[in-house]
């Protein structure tokens, strides 16, 4: 599965952006999907994940209440709606696919994901 992330850009604090991640094939629907981000000099960190049918979601505490992950199986696309953005949200955002079942423990580790998109830059100015 190839993933193509888009939608990044530059916004002021308090603004919004919606990231998209398009998958190359319908087998996307068999994957748990996640978003991660990496700021300069920092490790890549988990942001959000959504189960195969979109029923279950999980968020990092830092984005809970501000970001929303969703998926459109008909379009083979997962979205990350980001509201009330803060300068600390500035990073390269990556989408990722996990072909394993969503267990009791949400998939938040990098090693939980087999497929990665190329990343899209988000810059939030104060």
PDB file of N, CA and C in Angstrom:
ATOM      1  N   UNK A   1       0.850  -1.189   0.000  1.00  0.00           N
ATOM      2  CA  UNK A   1       0.000   0.000   0.000  1.00  0.00           C
ATOM      3  C   UNK A   1       0.889   1.243   0.000  1.00  0.00           C
ATOM      4  N   UNK A   2       0.661   2.119  -0.953  1.00  0.00           N
ATOM      5  CA  UNK A   2       1.397   3.385  -0.989  1.00  0.00           C
ATOM      6  C   UNK A   2       0.494   4.485  -0.458  1.00  0.00           C
ATOM      7  N   UNK A   3       1.065   5.353   0.359  1.00  0.00           N
ATOM      8  CA  UNK A   3       0.314   6.423   1.001  1.00  0.00           C
ATOM      9  C   UNK A   3       0.858   7.776   0.568  1.00  0.00           C
ATOM     10  N   UNK A   4      -0.061   8.703   0.278  1.00  0.00           N
ATOM     11  CA  UNK A   4       0.319  10.038  -0.175  1.00  0.00           C
ATOM     12  C   UNK A   4      -0.364  11.052   0.731  1.00  0.00           C
ATOM     13  N   UNK A   5       0.442  11.737   1.545  1.00  0.00           N
ATOM     14  CA  UNK A   5      -0.095  12.749   2.458  1.00  0.00           C
ATOM     15  C   UNK A   5      -0.079  14.122   1.800  1.00  0.00           C
ATOM     16  N   UNK A   6      -1.066  14.933   2.130  1.00  0.00           N
ATOM     17  CA  UNK A   6      -1.148  16.288   1.594  1.00  0.00           C
ATOM     18  C   UNK A   6      -1.944  17.163   2.561  1.00  0.00           C
ATOM     19  N   UNK A   7      -1.963  18.464   2.277  1.00  0.00           N
ATOM     20  CA  UNK A   7      -2.778  19.379   3.066  1.00  0.00           C
ATOM     21  C   UNK A   7      -2.013  20.232   4.058  1.00  0.00           C
ATOM     22  N   UNK A   8      -0.723  20.022   4.172  1.00  0.00           N
ATOM     23  CA  UNK A   8       0.055  20.827   5.086  1.00  0.00           C
ATOM     24  C   UNK A   8       0.183  22.265   4.600  1.00  0.00           C
ATOM     25  N   UNK A   9       0.700  23.117   5.448  1.00  0.00           N
ATOM     26  CA  UNK A   9       0.874  24.513   5.089  1.00  0.00           C
ATOM     27  C   UNK A   9       1.272  25.338   6.291  1.00  0.00           C
ATOM     28  N   UNK A  10       1.195  26.650   6.118  1.00  0.00           N
ATOM     29  CA  UNK A  10       1.553  27.583   7.186  1.00  0.00           C
ATOM     30  C   UNK A  10       0.307  28.331   7.649  1.00  0.00           C
ATOM     31  N   UNK A  11       0.078  28.330   8.960  1.00  0.00           N
ATOM     32  CA  UNK A  11      -1.069  29.034   9.527  1.00  0.00           C
ATOM     33  C   UNK A  11      -0.644  29.740  10.798  1.00  0.00           C
ATOM     34  N   UNK A  12      -1.474  30.673  11.225  1.00  0.00           N
ATOM     35  CA  UNK A  12      -1.228  31.334  12.498  1.00  0.00           C
ATOM     36  C   UNK A  12      -1.857  30.527  13.627  1.00  0.00           C
ATOM     37  N   UNK A  13      -1.353  30.744  14.821  1.00  0.00           N
ATOM     38  CA  UNK A  13      -1.902  30.065  15.990  1.00  0.00           C
ATOM     39  C   UNK A  13      -3.405  30.315  16.076  1.00  0.00           C
ATOM     40  N   UNK A  14      -4.120  29.259  16.393  1.00  0.00           N
ATOM     41  CA  UNK A  14      -5.571  29.330  16.447  1.00  0.00           C
ATOM     42  C   UNK A  14      -6.245  28.920  15.151  1.00  0.00           C
ATOM     43  N   UNK A  15      -5.474  28.789  14.095  1.00  0.00           N
ATOM     44  CA  UNK A  15      -6.021  28.410  12.805  1.00  0.00           C
ATOM     45  C   UNK A  15      -6.249  26.916  12.676  1.00  0.00           C
ATOM     46  N   UNK A  16      -6.697  26.512  11.484  1.00  0.00           N
ATOM     47  CA  UNK A  16      -7.033  25.116  11.221  1.00  0.00           C
ATOM     48  C   UNK A  16      -6.418  24.647   9.908  1.00  0.00           C
ATOM     49  N   UNK A  17      -6.176  23.364   9.857  1.00  0.00           N
ATOM     50  CA  UNK A  17      -5.742  22.702   8.628  1.00  0.00           C
ATOM     51  C   UNK A  17      -6.366  21.310   8.599  1.00  0.00           C
ATOM     52  N   UNK A  18      -6.570  20.789   7.404  1.00  0.00           N
ATOM     53  CA  UNK A  18      -7.016  19.401   7.272  1.00  0.00           C
ATOM     54  C   UNK A  18      -6.012  18.654   6.408  1.00  0.00           C
ATOM     55  N   UNK A  19      -5.415  17.641   6.988  1.00  0.00           N
ATOM     56  CA  UNK A  19      -4.497  16.794   6.259  1.00  0.00           C
ATOM     57  C   UNK A  19      -5.253  15.622   5.648  1.00  0.00           C
ATOM     58  N   UNK A  20      -4.788  15.190   4.493  1.00  0.00           N
ATOM     59  CA  UNK A  20      -5.363  14.026   3.832  1.00  0.00           C
ATOM     60  C   UNK A  20      -4.261  13.017   3.551  1.00  0.00           C
ATOM     61  N   UNK A  21      -4.643  11.759   3.538  1.00  0.00           N
ATOM     62  CA  UNK A  21      -3.707  10.685   3.212  1.00  0.00           C
ATOM     63  C   UNK A  21      -4.445   9.713   2.308  1.00  0.00           C
ATOM     64  N   UNK A  22      -4.048   9.686   1.036  1.00  0.00           N
ATOM     65  CA  UNK A  22      -4.698   8.829   0.053  1.00  0.00           C
ATOM     66  C   UNK A  22      -3.886   7.552  -0.125  1.00  0.00           C
ATOM     67  N   UNK A  23      -4.583   6.428  -0.115  1.00  0.00           N
ATOM     68  CA  UNK A  23      -3.945   5.127  -0.313  1.00  0.00           C
ATOM     69  C   UNK A  23      -4.087   4.686  -1.761  1.00  0.00           C
ATOM     70  N   UNK A  24      -3.132   3.898  -2.209  1.00  0.00           N
ATOM     71  CA  UNK A  24      -3.074   3.520  -3.623  1.00  0.00           C
ATOM     72  C   UNK A  24      -4.031   2.400  -3.981  1.00  0.00           C
ATOM     73  N   UNK A  25      -4.552   1.697  -2.988  1.00  0.00           N
ATOM     74  CA  UNK A  25      -5.407   0.564  -3.293  1.00  0.00           C
ATOM     75  C   UNK A  25      -6.449   0.334  -2.207  1.00  0.00           C
ATOM     76  N   UNK A  26      -7.439  -0.468  -2.549  1.00  0.00           N
ATOM     77  CA  UNK A  26      -8.563  -0.661  -1.645  1.00  0.00           C
ATOM     78  C   UNK A  26      -8.182  -1.475  -0.414  1.00  0.00           C
ATOM     79  N   UNK A  27      -7.024  -2.135  -0.465  1.00  0.00           N
ATOM     80  CA  UNK A  27      -6.599  -2.882   0.721  1.00  0.00           C
ATOM     81  C   UNK A  27      -6.344  -1.938   1.894  1.00  0.00           C
ATOM     82  N   UNK A  28      -6.319  -0.657   1.608  1.00  0.00           N
ATOM     83  CA  UNK A  28      -6.268   0.368   2.652  1.00  0.00           C
ATOM     84  C   UNK A  28      -7.330   0.121   3.701  1.00  0.00           C
ATOM     85  N   UNK A  29      -8.485  -0.349   3.255  1.00  0.00           N
ATOM     86  CA  UNK A  29      -9.598  -0.540   4.169  1.00  0.00           C
ATOM     87  C   UNK A  29      -9.324  -1.628   5.206  1.00  0.00           C
ATOM     88  N   UNK A  30      -8.324  -2.442   4.974  1.00  0.00           N
ATOM     89  CA  UNK A  30      -7.964  -3.499   5.919  1.00  0.00           C
ATOM     90  C   UNK A  30      -6.935  -3.020   6.934  1.00  0.00           C
ATOM     91  N   UNK A  31      -6.584  -1.755   6.854  1.00  0.00           N
ATOM     92  CA  UNK A  31      -5.546  -1.216   7.729  1.00  0.00           C
ATOM     93  C   UNK A  31      -6.098  -0.262   8.779  1.00  0.00           C
ATOM     94  N   UNK A  32      -5.591  -0.414   9.994  1.00  0.00           N
ATOM     95  CA  UNK A  32      -5.696   0.671  10.967  1.00  0.00           C
ATOM     96  C   UNK A  32      -4.816   1.800  10.442  1.00  0.00           C
ATOM     97  N   UNK A  33      -5.273   3.017  10.532  1.00  0.00           N
ATOM     98  CA  UNK A  33      -4.507   4.145  10.022  1.00  0.00           C
ATOM     99  C   UNK A  33      -4.134   5.095  11.149  1.00  0.00           C
ATOM    100  N   UNK A  34      -2.939   5.642  11.031  1.00  0.00           N
ATOM    101  CA  UNK A  34      -2.465   6.554  12.064  1.00  0.00           C
ATOM    102  C   UNK A  34      -1.780   7.763  11.475  1.00  0.00           C
ATOM    103  N   UNK A  35      -1.685   8.797  12.299  1.00  0.00           N
ATOM    104  CA  UNK A  35      -0.891   9.985  11.982  1.00  0.00           C
ATOM    105  C   UNK A  35       0.185  10.143  13.045  1.00  0.00           C
ATOM    106  N   UNK A  36       1.373  10.461  12.590  1.00  0.00           N
ATOM    107  CA  UNK A  36       2.493  10.758  13.460  1.00  0.00           C
ATOM    108  C   UNK A  36       3.069  12.106  13.044  1.00  0.00           C
ATOM    109  N   UNK A  37       3.908  12.679  13.875  1.00  0.00           N
ATOM    110  CA  UNK A  37       4.576  13.923  13.502  1.00  0.00           C
ATOM    111  C   UNK A  37       5.989  13.933  14.053  1.00  0.00           C
ATOM    112  N   UNK A  38       6.827  14.716  13.377  1.00  0.00           N
ATOM    113  CA  UNK A  38       8.222  14.834  13.803  1.00  0.00           C
ATOM    114  C   UNK A  38       8.678  16.268  13.631  1.00  0.00           C
ATOM    115  N   UNK A  39       9.036  16.882  14.742  1.00  0.00           N
ATOM    116  CA  UNK A  39       9.579  18.229  14.740  1.00  0.00           C
ATOM    117  C   UNK A  39      11.102  18.145  14.639  1.00  0.00           C
ATOM    118  N   UNK A  40      11.748  19.209  14.178  1.00  0.00           N
ATOM    119  CA  UNK A  40      13.218  19.189  14.046  1.00  0.00           C
ATOM    120  C   UNK A  40      13.899  18.864  15.375  1.00  0.00           C
ATOM    121  N   UNK A  41      14.804  17.902  15.322  1.00  0.00           N
ATOM    122  CA  UNK A  41      15.546  17.537  16.513  1.00  0.00           C
ATOM    123  C   UNK A  41      14.808  16.662  17.494  1.00  0.00           C
ATOM    124  N   UNK A  42      13.595  16.272  17.144  1.00  0.00           N
ATOM    125  CA  UNK A  42      12.796  15.441  18.047  1.00  0.00           C
ATOM    126  C   UNK A  42      12.450  14.113  17.392  1.00  0.00           C
ATOM    127  N   UNK A  43      12.059  13.164  18.215  1.00  0.00           N
ATOM    128  CA  UNK A  43      11.652  11.871  17.697  1.00  0.00           C
ATOM    129  C   UNK A  43      10.245  11.945  17.112  1.00  0.00           C
ATOM    130  N   UNK A  44       9.978  11.041  16.196  1.00  0.00           N
ATOM    131  CA  UNK A  44       8.645  10.957  15.635  1.00  0.00           C
ATOM    132  C   UNK A  44       7.679  10.491  16.723  1.00  0.00           C
ATOM    133  N   UNK A  45       6.532  11.171  16.808  1.00  0.00           N
ATOM    134  CA  UNK A  45       5.589  10.849  17.874  1.00  0.00           C
ATOM    135  C   UNK A  45       4.196  10.595  17.332  1.00  0.00           C
ATOM    136  N   UNK A  46       3.470   9.782  18.070  1.00  0.00           N
ATOM    137  CA  UNK A  46       2.102   9.449  17.713  1.00  0.00           C
ATOM    138  C   UNK A  46       1.187  10.655  17.885  1.00  0.00           C
ATOM    139  N   UNK A  47       0.227  10.779  16.949  1.00  0.00           N
ATOM    140  CA  UNK A  47      -0.757  11.847  17.031  1.00  0.00           C
ATOM    141  C   UNK A  47      -2.172  11.275  17.181  1.00  0.00           C
ATOM    142  N   UNK A  48      -2.552  10.399  16.250  1.00  0.00           N
ATOM    143  CA  UNK A  48      -3.915   9.870  16.274  1.00  0.00           C
ATOM    144  C   UNK A  48      -3.987   8.583  15.464  1.00  0.00           C
ATOM    145  N   UNK A  49      -4.988   7.760  15.775  1.00  0.00           N
ATOM    146  CA  UNK A  49      -5.213   6.523  15.036  1.00  0.00           C
ATOM    147  C   UNK A  49      -6.701   6.262  14.912  1.00  0.00           C
ATOM    148  N   UNK A  50      -7.073   5.559  13.837  1.00  0.00           N
ATOM    149  CA  UNK A  50      -8.470   5.202  13.609  1.00  0.00           C
ATOM    150  C   UNK A  50      -8.531   3.746  13.172  1.00  0.00           C
ATOM    151  N   UNK A  51      -9.523   3.034  13.681  1.00  0.00           N
ATOM    152  CA  UNK A  51      -9.653   1.623  13.365  1.00  0.00           C
ATOM    153  C   UNK A  51     -10.139   1.420  11.925  1.00  0.00           C
ATOM    154  N   UNK A  52     -10.188   0.160  11.506  1.00  0.00           N
ATOM    155  CA  UNK A  52     -10.507  -0.163  10.124  1.00  0.00           C
ATOM    156  C   UNK A  52     -11.850   0.393   9.679  1.00  0.00           C
ATOM    157  N   UNK A  53     -12.837   0.295  10.508  1.00  0.00           N
ATOM    158  CA  UNK A  53     -14.176   0.759  10.141  1.00  0.00           C
ATOM    159  C   UNK A  53     -14.441   2.172  10.638  1.00  0.00           C
ATOM    160  N   UNK A  54     -13.447   2.772  11.274  1.00  0.00           N
ATOM    161  CA  UNK A  54     -13.622   4.134  11.758  1.00  0.00           C
ATOM    162  C   UNK A  54     -14.393   4.235  13.056  1.00  0.00           C
ATOM    163  N   UNK A  55     -14.637   3.109  13.698  1.00  0.00           N
ATOM    164  CA  UNK A  55     -15.439   3.127  14.917  1.00  0.00           C
ATOM    165  C   UNK A  55     -14.617   3.583  16.122  1.00  0.00           C
ATOM    166  N   UNK A  56     -13.372   3.140  16.165  1.00  0.00           N
ATOM    167  CA  UNK A  56     -12.506   3.470  17.301  1.00  0.00           C
ATOM    168  C   UNK A  56     -11.447   4.478  16.883  1.00  0.00           C
ATOM    169  N   UNK A  57     -11.184   5.422  17.760  1.00  0.00           N
ATOM    170  CA  UNK A  57     -10.123   6.398  17.550  1.00  0.00           C
ATOM    171  C   UNK A  57      -9.325   6.557  18.846  1.00  0.00           C
ATOM    172  N   UNK A  58      -8.110   7.043  18.692  1.00  0.00           N
ATOM    173  CA  UNK A  58      -7.256   7.294  19.849  1.00  0.00           C
ATOM    174  C   UNK A  58      -6.364   8.480  19.535  1.00  0.00           C
ATOM    175  N   UNK A  59      -6.140   9.329  20.540  1.00  0.00           N
ATOM    176  CA  UNK A  59      -5.373  10.553  20.332  1.00  0.00           C
ATOM    177  C   UNK A  59      -4.283  10.703  21.382  1.00  0.00           C
ATOM    178  N   UNK A  60      -3.222  11.359  20.982  1.00  0.00           N
ATOM    179  CA  UNK A  60      -2.227  11.783  21.957  1.00  0.00           C
ATOM    180  C   UNK A  60      -2.855  12.855  22.849  1.00  0.00           C
ATOM    181  N   UNK A  61      -2.457  12.891  24.089  1.00  0.00           N
ATOM    182  CA  UNK A  61      -3.031  13.865  25.019  1.00  0.00           C
ATOM    183  C   UNK A  61      -2.829  15.301  24.531  1.00  0.00           C
ATOM    184  N   UNK A  62      -1.741  15.547  23.847  1.00  0.00           N
ATOM    185  CA  UNK A  62      -1.407  16.909  23.416  1.00  0.00           C
ATOM    186  C   UNK A  62      -2.362  17.446  22.352  1.00  0.00           C
ATOM    187  N   UNK A  63      -3.089  16.568  21.673  1.00  0.00           N
ATOM    188  CA  UNK A  63      -3.978  17.022  20.600  1.00  0.00           C
ATOM    189  C   UNK A  63      -5.448  16.711  20.879  1.00  0.00           C
ATOM    190  N   UNK A  64      -5.698  16.011  21.966  1.00  0.00           N
ATOM    191  CA  UNK A  64      -7.066  15.607  22.285  1.00  0.00           C
ATOM    192  C   UNK A  64      -7.960  16.838  22.429  1.00  0.00           C
ATOM    193  N   UNK A  65      -9.118  16.789  21.783  1.00  0.00           N
ATOM    194  CA  UNK A  65     -10.049  17.903  21.826  1.00  0.00           C
ATOM    195  C   UNK A  65      -9.808  18.942  20.750  1.00  0.00           C
ATOM    196  N   UNK A  66      -8.663  18.874  20.072  1.00  0.00           N
ATOM    197  CA  UNK A  66      -8.359  19.831  19.004  1.00  0.00           C
ATOM    198  C   UNK A  66      -8.280  19.163  17.634  1.00  0.00           C
ATOM    199  N   UNK A  67      -7.813  17.920  17.589  1.00  0.00           N
ATOM    200  CA  UNK A  67      -7.650  17.187  16.336  1.00  0.00           C
ATOM    201  C   UNK A  67      -8.711  16.098  16.245  1.00  0.00           C
ATOM    202  N   UNK A  68      -9.071  15.780  14.997  1.00  0.00           N
ATOM    203  CA  UNK A  68     -10.019  14.690  14.772  1.00  0.00           C
ATOM    204  C   UNK A  68      -9.575  13.872  13.578  1.00  0.00           C
ATOM    205  N   UNK A  69      -9.455  12.565  13.771  1.00  0.00           N
ATOM    206  CA  UNK A  69      -9.078  11.669  12.691  1.00  0.00           C
ATOM    207  C   UNK A  69     -10.339  10.984  12.171  1.00  0.00           C
ATOM    208  N   UNK A  70     -10.395  10.805  10.852  1.00  0.00           N
ATOM    209  CA  UNK A  70     -11.537  10.128  10.244  1.00  0.00           C
ATOM    210  C   UNK A  70     -11.063   9.462   8.965  1.00  0.00           C
ATOM    211  N   UNK A  71     -11.927   8.625   8.391  1.00  0.00           N
ATOM    212  CA  UNK A  71     -11.556   7.946   7.156  1.00  0.00           C
ATOM    213  C   UNK A  71     -12.776   7.807   6.266  1.00  0.00           C
ATOM    214  N   UNK A  72     -12.503   7.799   4.966  1.00  0.00           N
ATOM    215  CA  UNK A  72     -13.531   7.591   3.958  1.00  0.00           C
ATOM    216  C   UNK A  72     -13.106   6.373   3.152  1.00  0.00           C
ATOM    217  N   UNK A  73     -13.719   5.238   3.439  1.00  0.00           N
ATOM    218  CA  UNK A  73     -13.317   3.998   2.790  1.00  0.00           C
ATOM    219  C   UNK A  73     -13.587   4.025   1.293  1.00  0.00           C
ATOM    220  N   UNK A  74     -14.614   4.734   0.880  1.00  0.00           N
ATOM    221  CA  UNK A  74     -14.922   4.822  -0.549  1.00  0.00           C
ATOM    222  C   UNK A  74     -13.848   5.560  -1.329  1.00  0.00           C
ATOM    223  N   UNK A  75     -13.154   6.467  -0.656  1.00  0.00           N
ATOM    224  CA  UNK A  75     -12.100   7.250  -1.301  1.00  0.00           C
ATOM    225  C   UNK A  75     -10.705   6.764  -0.920  1.00  0.00           C
ATOM    226  N   UNK A  76     -10.637   5.699  -0.115  1.00  0.00           N
ATOM    227  CA  UNK A  76      -9.337   5.181   0.347  1.00  0.00           C
ATOM    228  C   UNK A  76      -8.499   6.296   0.979  1.00  0.00           C
ATOM    229  N   UNK A  77      -9.118   7.114   1.788  1.00  0.00           N
ATOM    230  CA  UNK A  77      -8.451   8.296   2.329  1.00  0.00           C
ATOM    231  C   UNK A  77      -8.728   8.428   3.820  1.00  0.00           C
ATOM    232  N   UNK A  78      -7.704   8.838   4.550  1.00  0.00           N
ATOM    233  CA  UNK A  78      -7.839   9.163   5.968  1.00  0.00           C
ATOM    234  C   UNK A  78      -7.514  10.639   6.145  1.00  0.00           C
ATOM    235  N   UNK A  79      -8.216  11.274   7.060  1.00  0.00           N
ATOM    236  CA  UNK A  79      -8.076  12.714   7.277  1.00  0.00           C
ATOM    237  C   UNK A  79      -7.639  13.010   8.705  1.00  0.00           C
ATOM    238  N   UNK A  80      -7.007  14.156   8.858  1.00  0.00           N
ATOM    239  CA  UNK A  80      -6.715  14.670  10.189  1.00  0.00           C
ATOM    240  C   UNK A  80      -7.120  16.140  10.202  1.00  0.00           C
ATOM    241  N   UNK A  81      -8.236  16.424  10.836  1.00  0.00           N
ATOM    242  CA  UNK A  81      -8.700  17.792  10.992  1.00  0.00           C
ATOM    243  C   UNK A  81      -8.030  18.390  12.223  1.00  0.00           C
ATOM    244  N   UNK A  82      -7.304  19.471  12.030  1.00  0.00           N
ATOM    245  CA  UNK A  82      -6.547  20.076  13.121  1.00  0.00           C
ATOM    246  C   UNK A  82      -7.082  21.482  13.369  1.00  0.00           C
ATOM    247  N   UNK A  83      -7.630  21.687  14.541  1.00  0.00           N
ATOM    248  CA  UNK A  83      -8.182  22.988  14.926  1.00  0.00           C
ATOM    249  C   UNK A  83      -7.393  23.588  16.075  1.00  0.00           C
ATOM    250  N   UNK A  84      -7.543  24.888  16.252  1.00  0.00           N
ATOM    251  CA  UNK A  84      -6.859  25.592  17.342  1.00  0.00           C
ATOM    252  C   UNK A  84      -5.377  25.223  17.385  1.00  0.00           C
ATOM    253  N   UNK A  85      -4.739  25.345  16.253  1.00  0.00           N
ATOM    254  CA  UNK A  85      -3.346  24.952  16.144  1.00  0.00           C
ATOM    255  C   UNK A  85      -2.451  25.853  16.991  1.00  0.00           C
ATOM    256  N   UNK A  86      -1.390  25.241  17.504  1.00  0.00           N
ATOM    257  CA  UNK A  86      -0.423  25.940  18.347  1.00  0.00           C
ATOM    258  C   UNK A  86       0.957  25.831  17.718  1.00  0.00           C
ATOM    259  N   UNK A  87       1.852  26.749  18.056  1.00  0.00           N
ATOM    260  CA  UNK A  87       3.218  26.654  17.497  1.00  0.00           C
ATOM    261  C   UNK A  87       3.864  25.297  17.778  1.00  0.00           C
ATOM    262  N   UNK A  88       3.534  24.687  18.901  1.00  0.00           N
ATOM    263  CA  UNK A  88       4.087  23.385  19.240  1.00  0.00           C
ATOM    264  C   UNK A  88       3.597  22.266  18.344  1.00  0.00           C
ATOM    265  N   UNK A  89       2.590  22.532  17.511  1.00  0.00           N
ATOM    266  CA  UNK A  89       2.112  21.532  16.560  1.00  0.00           C
ATOM    267  C   UNK A  89       2.931  21.518  15.274  1.00  0.00           C
ATOM    268  N   UNK A  90       3.832  22.473  15.121  1.00  0.00           N
ATOM    269  CA  UNK A  90       4.657  22.550  13.926  1.00  0.00           C
ATOM    270  C   UNK A  90       5.532  21.302  13.809  1.00  0.00           C
ATOM    271  N   UNK A  91       5.452  20.647  12.659  1.00  0.00           N
ATOM    272  CA  UNK A  91       6.190  19.404  12.441  1.00  0.00           C
ATOM    273  C   UNK A  91       5.897  18.904  11.034  1.00  0.00           C
ATOM    274  N   UNK A  92       6.622  17.876  10.644  1.00  0.00           N
ATOM    275  CA  UNK A  92       6.252  17.122   9.455  1.00  0.00           C
ATOM    276  C   UNK A  92       5.305  16.015   9.908  1.00  0.00           C
ATOM    277  N   UNK A  93       4.154  15.943   9.282  1.00  0.00           N
ATOM    278  CA  UNK A  93       3.140  14.967   9.638  1.00  0.00           C
ATOM    279  C   UNK A  93       3.157  13.802   8.647  1.00  0.00           C
ATOM    280  N   UNK A  94       3.133  12.594   9.201  1.00  0.00           N
ATOM    281  CA  UNK A  94       3.181  11.378   8.415  1.00  0.00           C
ATOM    282  C   UNK A  94       1.936  10.534   8.671  1.00  0.00           C
ATOM    283  N   UNK A  95       1.369   9.973   7.605  1.00  0.00           N
ATOM    284  CA  UNK A  95       0.326   8.978   7.801  1.00  0.00           C
ATOM    285  C   UNK A  95       0.951   7.592   7.688  1.00  0.00           C
ATOM    286  N   UNK A  96       0.307   6.622   8.302  1.00  0.00           N
ATOM    287  CA  UNK A  96       0.866   5.279   8.353  1.00  0.00           C
ATOM    288  C   UNK A  96      -0.249   4.247   8.418  1.00  0.00           C
ATOM    289  N   UNK A  97       0.049   3.052   7.912  1.00  0.00           N
ATOM    290  CA  UNK A  97      -0.923   1.970   7.885  1.00  0.00           C
ATOM    291  C   UNK A  97      -0.464   0.768   8.699  1.00  0.00           C
ATOM    292  N   UNK A  98      -1.400   0.201   9.439  1.00  0.00           N
ATOM    293  CA  UNK A  98      -1.146  -0.951  10.305  1.00  0.00           C
ATOM    294  C   UNK A  98      -2.104  -2.065   9.912  1.00  0.00           C
ATOM    295  N   UNK A  99      -1.598  -3.159   9.320  1.00  0.00           N
ATOM    296  CA  UNK A  99      -2.488  -4.207   8.833  1.00  0.00           C
ATOM    297  C   UNK A  99      -3.022  -5.143   9.915  1.00  0.00           C
ATOM    298  N   UNK A 100      -2.636  -4.951  11.146  1.00  0.00           N
ATOM    299  CA  UNK A 100      -3.080  -5.832  12.223  1.00  0.00           C
ATOM    300  C   UNK A 100      -4.342  -5.296  12.887  1.00  0.00           C
ATOM    301  N   UNK A 101      -4.992  -6.167  13.621  1.00  0.00           N
ATOM    302  CA  UNK A 101      -6.249  -5.789  14.267  1.00  0.00           C
ATOM    303  C   UNK A 101      -6.005  -4.758  15.366  1.00  0.00           C
ATOM    304  N   UNK A 102      -6.990  -3.925  15.572  1.00  0.00           N
ATOM    305  CA  UNK A 102      -6.989  -2.980  16.688  1.00  0.00           C
ATOM    306  C   UNK A 102      -7.291  -3.787  17.952  1.00  0.00           C
ATOM    307  N   UNK A 103      -6.301  -3.860  18.836  1.00  0.00           N
ATOM    308  CA  UNK A 103      -6.466  -4.648  20.052  1.00  0.00           C
ATOM    309  C   UNK A 103      -6.937  -3.738  21.184  1.00  0.00           C
ATOM    310  N   UNK A 104      -6.894  -4.258  22.390  1.00  0.00           N
ATOM    311  CA  UNK A 104      -7.288  -3.482  23.552  1.00  0.00           C
ATOM    312  C   UNK A 104      -6.370  -2.263  23.705  1.00  0.00           C
ATOM    313  N   UNK A 105      -5.095  -2.453  23.391  1.00  0.00           N
ATOM    314  CA  UNK A 105      -4.128  -1.358  23.470  1.00  0.00           C
ATOM    315  C   UNK A 105      -4.077  -0.654  22.118  1.00  0.00           C
ATOM    316  N   UNK A 106      -4.412   0.627  22.042  1.00  0.00           N
ATOM    317  CA  UNK A 106      -4.368   1.330  20.752  1.00  0.00           C
ATOM    318  C   UNK A 106      -2.954   1.325  20.172  1.00  0.00           C
ATOM    319  N   UNK A 107      -2.850   1.262  18.854  1.00  0.00           N
ATOM    320  CA  UNK A 107      -1.531   1.218  18.200  1.00  0.00           C
ATOM    321  C   UNK A 107      -0.887   2.594  18.134  1.00  0.00           C
ATOM    322  N   UNK A 108      -0.022   2.873  19.064  1.00  0.00           N
ATOM    323  CA  UNK A 108       0.625   4.181  19.138  1.00  0.00           C
ATOM    324  C   UNK A 108       2.119   4.139  18.859  1.00  0.00           C
ATOM    325  N   UNK A 109       2.688   2.959  18.701  1.00  0.00           N
ATOM    326  CA  UNK A 109       4.124   2.830  18.496  1.00  0.00           C
ATOM    327  C   UNK A 109       4.466   2.866  17.015  1.00  0.00           C
ATOM    328  N   UNK A 110       5.625   3.386  16.683  1.00  0.00           N
ATOM    329  CA  UNK A 110       6.059   3.404  15.288  1.00  0.00           C
ATOM    330  C   UNK A 110       6.100   1.985  14.724  1.00  0.00           C
ATOM    331  N   UNK A 111       6.545   1.033  15.513  1.00  0.00           N
ATOM    332  CA  UNK A 111       6.693  -0.336  15.018  1.00  0.00           C
ATOM    333  C   UNK A 111       5.364  -1.038  14.805  1.00  0.00           C
ATOM    334  N   UNK A 112       4.272  -0.428  15.224  1.00  0.00           N
ATOM    335  CA  UNK A 112       2.951  -0.992  14.952  1.00  0.00           C
ATOM    336  C   UNK A 112       2.546  -0.809  13.492  1.00  0.00           C
ATOM    337  N   UNK A 113       3.245   0.065  12.763  1.00  0.00           N
ATOM    338  CA  UNK A 113       2.835   0.463  11.416  1.00  0.00           C
ATOM    339  C   UNK A 113       3.830  -0.017  10.371  1.00  0.00           C
ATOM    340  N   UNK A 114       3.298  -0.601   9.298  1.00  0.00           N
ATOM    341  CA  UNK A 114       4.134  -1.149   8.235  1.00  0.00           C
ATOM    342  C   UNK A 114       4.299  -0.201   7.051  1.00  0.00           C
ATOM    343  N   UNK A 115       3.327   0.649   6.815  1.00  0.00           N
ATOM    344  CA  UNK A 115       3.335   1.509   5.629  1.00  0.00           C
ATOM    345  C   UNK A 115       3.377   2.972   6.059  1.00  0.00           C
ATOM    346  N   UNK A 116       4.180   3.766   5.354  1.00  0.00           N
ATOM    347  CA  UNK A 116       4.355   5.176   5.708  1.00  0.00           C
ATOM    348  C   UNK A 116       4.260   6.047   4.471  1.00  0.00           C
ATOM    349  N   UNK A 117       3.593   7.194   4.632  1.00  0.00           N
ATOM    350  CA  UNK A 117       3.574   8.196   3.583  1.00  0.00           C
ATOM    351  C   UNK A 117       4.831   9.050   3.650  1.00  0.00           C
ATOM    352  N   UNK A 118       4.931  10.026   2.754  1.00  0.00           N
ATOM    353  CA  UNK A 118       6.165  10.801   2.621  1.00  0.00           C
ATOM    354  C   UNK A 118       6.223  12.004   3.552  1.00  0.00           C
ATOM    355  N   UNK A 119       5.115  12.358   4.186  1.00  0.00           N
ATOM    356  CA  UNK A 119       5.115  13.487   5.108  1.00  0.00           C
ATOM    357  C   UNK A 119       4.679  14.786   4.458  1.00  0.00           C
ATOM    358  N   UNK A 120       4.025  15.617   5.270  1.00  0.00           N
ATOM    359  CA  UNK A 120       3.604  16.943   4.821  1.00  0.00           C
ATOM    360  C   UNK A 120       3.896  17.933   5.950  1.00  0.00           C
ATOM    361  N   UNK A 121       4.448  19.092   5.589  1.00  0.00           N
ATOM    362  CA  UNK A 121       4.921  20.056   6.586  1.00  0.00           C
ATOM    363  C   UNK A 121       3.768  20.925   7.102  1.00  0.00           C
ATOM    364  N   UNK A 122       3.697  21.063   8.412  1.00  0.00           N
ATOM    365  CA  UNK A 122       2.753  21.973   9.060  1.00  0.00           C
ATOM    366  C   UNK A 122       3.560  22.966   9.880  1.00  0.00           C
ATOM    367  N   UNK A 123       3.335  24.250   9.626  1.00  0.00           N
ATOM    368  CA  UNK A 123       4.036  25.302  10.360  1.00  0.00           C
ATOM    369  C   UNK A 123       3.012  26.244  10.970  1.00  0.00           C
ATOM    370  N   UNK A 124       3.088  26.416  12.275  1.00  0.00           N
ATOM    371  CA  UNK A 124       2.152  27.280  12.995  1.00  0.00           C
ATOM    372  C   UNK A 124       2.945  28.420  13.614  1.00  0.00           C
ATOM    373  N   UNK A 125       2.591  29.630  13.255  1.00  0.00           N
ATOM    374  CA  UNK A 125       3.295  30.806  13.775  1.00  0.00           C
ATOM    375  C   UNK A 125       2.476  31.470  14.879  1.00  0.00           C
ATOM    376  N   UNK A 126       3.176  32.091  15.797  1.00  0.00           N
ATOM    377  CA  UNK A 126       2.503  32.731  16.934  1.00  0.00           C
ATOM    378  C   UNK A 126       2.118  34.163  16.621  1.00  0.00           C
TER     379      UNK A 126
END
